[in-house]
């Protein structure tokens, strides 16, 4: 083998050995999640729920017309 073929073989061996790690490193650096930004709104109060829950059994409804119980 001449010198040029040795250099090509060494380059191919290094490429085979280092290539997968380079791809993993590239995938890791491109897949980093950005930190979530949390904002706080000052001066806004939550609205109170003005709806009052009532049980259907507490209401005094007249019986429906035309039906006997």
Protein backbone atom coordinates (compact mmCIF):
# COMPACT_ATOMS: atom_id res chain seq x y z
CA UNK A 1 0.00 0.00 0.00
CA UNK A 2 1.27 3.41 -0.77
CA UNK A 3 1.10 6.42 1.54
CA UNK A 4 -2.07 7.87 -0.01
CA UNK A 5 -4.04 4.65 0.50
CA UNK A 6 -2.91 4.50 4.16
CA UNK A 7 -4.16 8.04 4.75
CA UNK A 8 -7.50 7.22 3.12
CA UNK A 9 -7.89 4.08 5.27
CA UNK A 10 -7.03 5.97 8.46
CA UNK A 11 -9.51 8.69 7.54
CA UNK A 12 -12.25 6.11 6.89
CA UNK A 13 -11.57 4.32 10.19
CA UNK A 14 -11.73 7.61 12.09
CA UNK A 15 -14.90 8.56 10.28
CA UNK A 16 -16.50 5.23 11.15
CA UNK A 17 -15.47 5.50 14.80
CA UNK A 18 -16.30 9.17 15.36
CA UNK A 19 -19.30 9.58 13.03
CA UNK A 20 -22.05 8.13 15.28
CA UNK A 21 -20.86 10.17 18.26
CA UNK A 22 -20.84 13.31 16.15
CA UNK A 23 -24.43 12.61 15.08
CA UNK A 24 -25.50 11.98 18.68
CA UNK A 25 -23.86 15.23 19.78
CA UNK A 26 -25.55 17.13 16.97
CA UNK A 27 -28.94 15.62 17.82
CA UNK A 28 -28.45 16.45 21.51
CA UNK A 29 -27.53 20.08 20.83
CA UNK A 30 -30.42 20.61 18.44
CA UNK A 31 -32.97 18.98 20.75
CA UNK A 32 -32.43 21.17 23.81
CA UNK A 33 -35.64 22.52 25.27
CA UNK A 34 -35.86 26.20 25.93
CA UNK A 35 -36.70 27.14 29.51
CA UNK A 36 -40.30 28.09 30.07
CA UNK A 37 -40.88 31.72 30.89
CA UNK A 38 -43.33 32.27 33.69
CA UNK A 39 -44.98 35.66 33.91
CA UNK A 40 -47.00 37.03 36.75
CA UNK A 41 -49.74 39.55 36.18
CA UNK A 42 -49.82 42.05 39.02
CA UNK A 43 -52.98 43.89 39.98
CA UNK A 44 -55.51 41.55 38.45
CA UNK A 45 -57.69 39.73 40.93
CA UNK A 46 -59.59 36.60 40.15
CA UNK A 47 -63.27 37.14 39.52
CA UNK A 48 -65.56 35.64 42.10
CA UNK A 49 -68.10 33.12 40.93
CA UNK A 50 -71.45 34.86 41.43
CA UNK A 51 -73.45 31.77 40.53
CA UNK A 52 -74.88 30.08 43.60
CA UNK A 53 -75.27 26.36 43.41
CA UNK A 54 -78.67 25.11 44.47
CA UNK A 55 -79.92 21.61 44.84
CA UNK A 56 -82.86 20.64 42.66
CA UNK A 57 -84.49 19.15 45.75
CA UNK A 58 -84.57 22.48 47.56
CA UNK A 59 -86.63 24.22 44.88
CA UNK A 60 -90.38 24.30 45.43
CA UNK A 61 -91.78 23.73 41.97
CA UNK A 62 -95.43 23.00 41.34
CA UNK A 63 -96.15 19.58 39.85
CA UNK A 64 -96.50 19.50 36.08
CA UNK A 65 -100.05 19.92 34.82
CA UNK A 66 -101.88 16.90 33.46
CA UNK A 67 -99.82 14.34 35.33
CA UNK A 68 -101.01 12.57 38.48
CA UNK A 69 -98.59 11.17 41.00
